[in-house]
Structure formats: C-alpha cells, structure tokens
Amino acid sequence: MNVKTKALSEEARKLSPEDRIALIEDLQRTLVTVDPKIERAWAEEARSRLDAYRRGELEAIPFEEVIASLMKR
C-alpha cells in the first residue's frame, strides 16, 4: 500500500460500521462489471425463493446454524 492508500484506509476505519459497509460497496461497484441480465435472474430467483418460503414450501435455516456449519469446515 502506498502512503495515500494507507491514509485513506486509516480514515475509513474511523467511520461507523454502516458507513464502512457503504464505502466498501461503493468501491466494489467500481471493480465489478455487473451483467444486468444476471442481476435480474438473481433477483427473480430470490423473489421465487421468498415466495416459496412464505407459502411454506421451503424451510429456513437459522443464521447461527449456517455459520456454525461453515466454521466446522
């Protein structure tokens, strides 16, 4: 990291967690080219899964269980 980047990083660390997340997301958008077709497909999939969950066709797994499972790997 150069001096300017280090200084920016130090300043960013002073931000609230919410503002740091917003900054990260903003910077990430400058690095990743998003295909609108893929984004629409993912949005539709998410809506479909949520609808299925609400109809009782899908079971949710508590966040804590998912994390615990991942930590065992």
C-alpha atoms as a PDB file:
ATOM      1  CA  MET A   1       0.000   0.000   0.000  1.00  0.00           C
ATOM      2  CA  ASN A   2       1.289   3.437  -0.791  1.00  0.00           C
ATOM      3  CA  VAL A   3       1.143   6.363   1.644  1.00  0.00           C
ATOM      4  CA  LYS A   4      -2.052   7.800   0.175  1.00  0.00           C
ATOM      5  CA  THR A   5      -3.818   4.442   0.307  1.00  0.00           C
ATOM      6  CA  LYS A   6      -2.719   3.877   3.903  1.00  0.00           C
ATOM      7  CA  ALA A   7      -4.024   7.311   4.877  1.00  0.00           C
ATOM      8  CA  LEU A   8      -7.366   6.612   3.194  1.00  0.00           C
ATOM      9  CA  SER A   9      -7.578   3.272   4.961  1.00  0.00           C
ATOM     10  CA  GLU A  10      -6.900   4.876   8.331  1.00  0.00           C
ATOM     11  CA  GLU A  11      -9.603   7.474   7.705  1.00  0.00           C
ATOM     12  CA  ALA A  12     -12.063   4.809   6.590  1.00  0.00           C
ATOM     13  CA  ARG A  13     -11.500   2.900   9.841  1.00  0.00           C
ATOM     14  CA  LYS A  14     -12.838   5.919  11.729  1.00  0.00           C
ATOM     15  CA  LEU A  15     -16.218   5.592  10.011  1.00  0.00           C
ATOM     16  CA  SER A  16     -19.162   3.831  11.581  1.00  0.00           C
ATOM     17  CA  PRO A  17     -19.620   0.189  10.582  1.00  0.00           C
ATOM     18  CA  GLU A  18     -22.583   1.173   8.417  1.00  0.00           C
ATOM     19  CA  ASP A  19     -20.591   3.850   6.613  1.00  0.00           C
ATOM     20  CA  ARG A  20     -17.658   1.472   6.100  1.00  0.00           C
ATOM     21  CA  ILE A  21     -20.003  -1.068   4.532  1.00  0.00           C
ATOM     22  CA  ALA A  22     -21.461   1.613   2.271  1.00  0.00           C
ATOM     23  CA  LEU A  23     -17.951   2.700   1.264  1.00  0.00           C
ATOM     24  CA  ILE A  24     -16.883  -0.877   0.550  1.00  0.00           C
ATOM     25  CA  GLU A  25     -19.977  -1.484  -1.562  1.00  0.00           C
ATOM     26  CA  ASP A  26     -19.397   1.745  -3.456  1.00  0.00           C
ATOM     27  CA  LEU A  27     -15.762   0.880  -4.164  1.00  0.00           C
ATOM     28  CA  GLN A  28     -16.640  -2.672  -5.107  1.00  0.00           C
ATOM     29  CA  ARG A  29     -19.077  -1.409  -7.733  1.00  0.00           C
ATOM     30  CA  THR A  30     -16.140   0.305  -9.438  1.00  0.00           C
ATOM     31  CA  LEU A  31     -14.317  -3.035  -9.723  1.00  0.00           C
ATOM     32  CA  VAL A  32     -17.068  -5.369 -10.808  1.00  0.00           C
ATOM     33  CA  THR A  33     -18.980  -5.142 -14.035  1.00  0.00           C
ATOM     34  CA  VAL A  34     -22.481  -6.403 -13.381  1.00  0.00           C
ATOM     35  CA  ASP A  35     -24.426  -8.041 -16.141  1.00  0.00           C
ATOM     36  CA  PRO A  36     -27.990  -6.691 -15.852  1.00  0.00           C
ATOM     37  CA  LYS A  37     -29.366  -9.960 -17.230  1.00  0.00           C
ATOM     38  CA  ILE A  38     -27.674 -11.936 -14.448  1.00  0.00           C
ATOM     39  CA  GLU A  39     -28.792  -9.434 -11.812  1.00  0.00           C
ATOM     40  CA  ARG A  40     -32.403  -9.746 -12.992  1.00  0.00           C
ATOM     41  CA  ALA A  41     -32.145 -13.536 -12.903  1.00  0.00           C
ATOM     42  CA  TRP A  42     -30.805 -13.486  -9.333  1.00  0.00           C
ATOM     43  CA  ALA A  43     -33.496 -11.032  -8.242  1.00  0.00           C
ATOM     44  CA  GLU A  44     -36.172 -13.271  -9.738  1.00  0.00           C
ATOM     45  CA  GLU A  45     -34.660 -16.320  -8.032  1.00  0.00           C
ATOM     46  CA  ALA A  46     -34.625 -14.501  -4.692  1.00  0.00           C
ATOM     47  CA  ARG A  47     -38.272 -13.468  -5.126  1.00  0.00           C
ATOM     48  CA  SER A  48     -39.198 -17.015  -6.081  1.00  0.00           C
ATOM     49  CA  ARG A  49     -37.469 -18.467  -3.021  1.00  0.00           C
ATOM     50  CA  LEU A  50     -39.058 -15.911  -0.715  1.00  0.00           C
ATOM     51  CA  ASP A  51     -42.493 -16.642  -2.159  1.00  0.00           C
ATOM     52  CA  ALA A  52     -41.925 -20.391  -1.708  1.00  0.00           C
ATOM     53  CA  TYR A  53     -40.819 -19.804   1.885  1.00  0.00           C
ATOM     54  CA  ARG A  54     -43.918 -17.737   2.591  1.00  0.00           C
ATOM     55  CA  ARG A  55     -46.092 -20.500   1.129  1.00  0.00           C
ATOM     56  CA  GLY A  56     -44.413 -22.978   3.455  1.00  0.00           C
ATOM     57  CA  GLU A  57     -42.661 -24.830   0.641  1.00  0.00           C
ATOM     58  CA  LEU A  58     -39.152 -24.023   1.885  1.00  0.00           C
ATOM     59  CA  GLU A  59     -37.686 -24.245   5.353  1.00  0.00           C
ATOM     60  CA  ALA A  60     -35.354 -21.558   6.628  1.00  0.00           C
ATOM     61  CA  ILE A  61     -32.114 -22.411   8.387  1.00  0.00           C
ATOM     62  CA  PRO A  62     -31.228 -20.100  11.276  1.00  0.00           C
ATOM     63  CA  PHE A  63     -28.220 -17.884  10.579  1.00  0.00           C
ATOM     64  CA  GLU A  64     -26.371 -19.248  13.598  1.00  0.00           C
ATOM     65  CA  GLU A  65     -26.671 -22.807  12.274  1.00  0.00           C
ATOM     66  CA  VAL A  66     -25.357 -21.808   8.869  1.00  0.00           C
ATOM     67  CA  ILE A  67     -22.358 -20.032  10.386  1.00  0.00           C
ATOM     68  CA  ALA A  68     -21.654 -22.921  12.778  1.00  0.00           C
ATOM     69  CA  SER A  69     -21.737 -25.338   9.856  1.00  0.00           C
ATOM     70  CA  LEU A  70     -19.335 -23.187   7.851  1.00  0.00           C
ATOM     71  CA  MET A  71     -16.964 -22.814  10.783  1.00  0.00           C
ATOM     72  CA  LYS A  72     -16.658 -26.612  11.051  1.00  0.00           C
ATOM     73  CA  ARG A  73     -15.173 -26.822   7.553  1.00  0.00           C
END
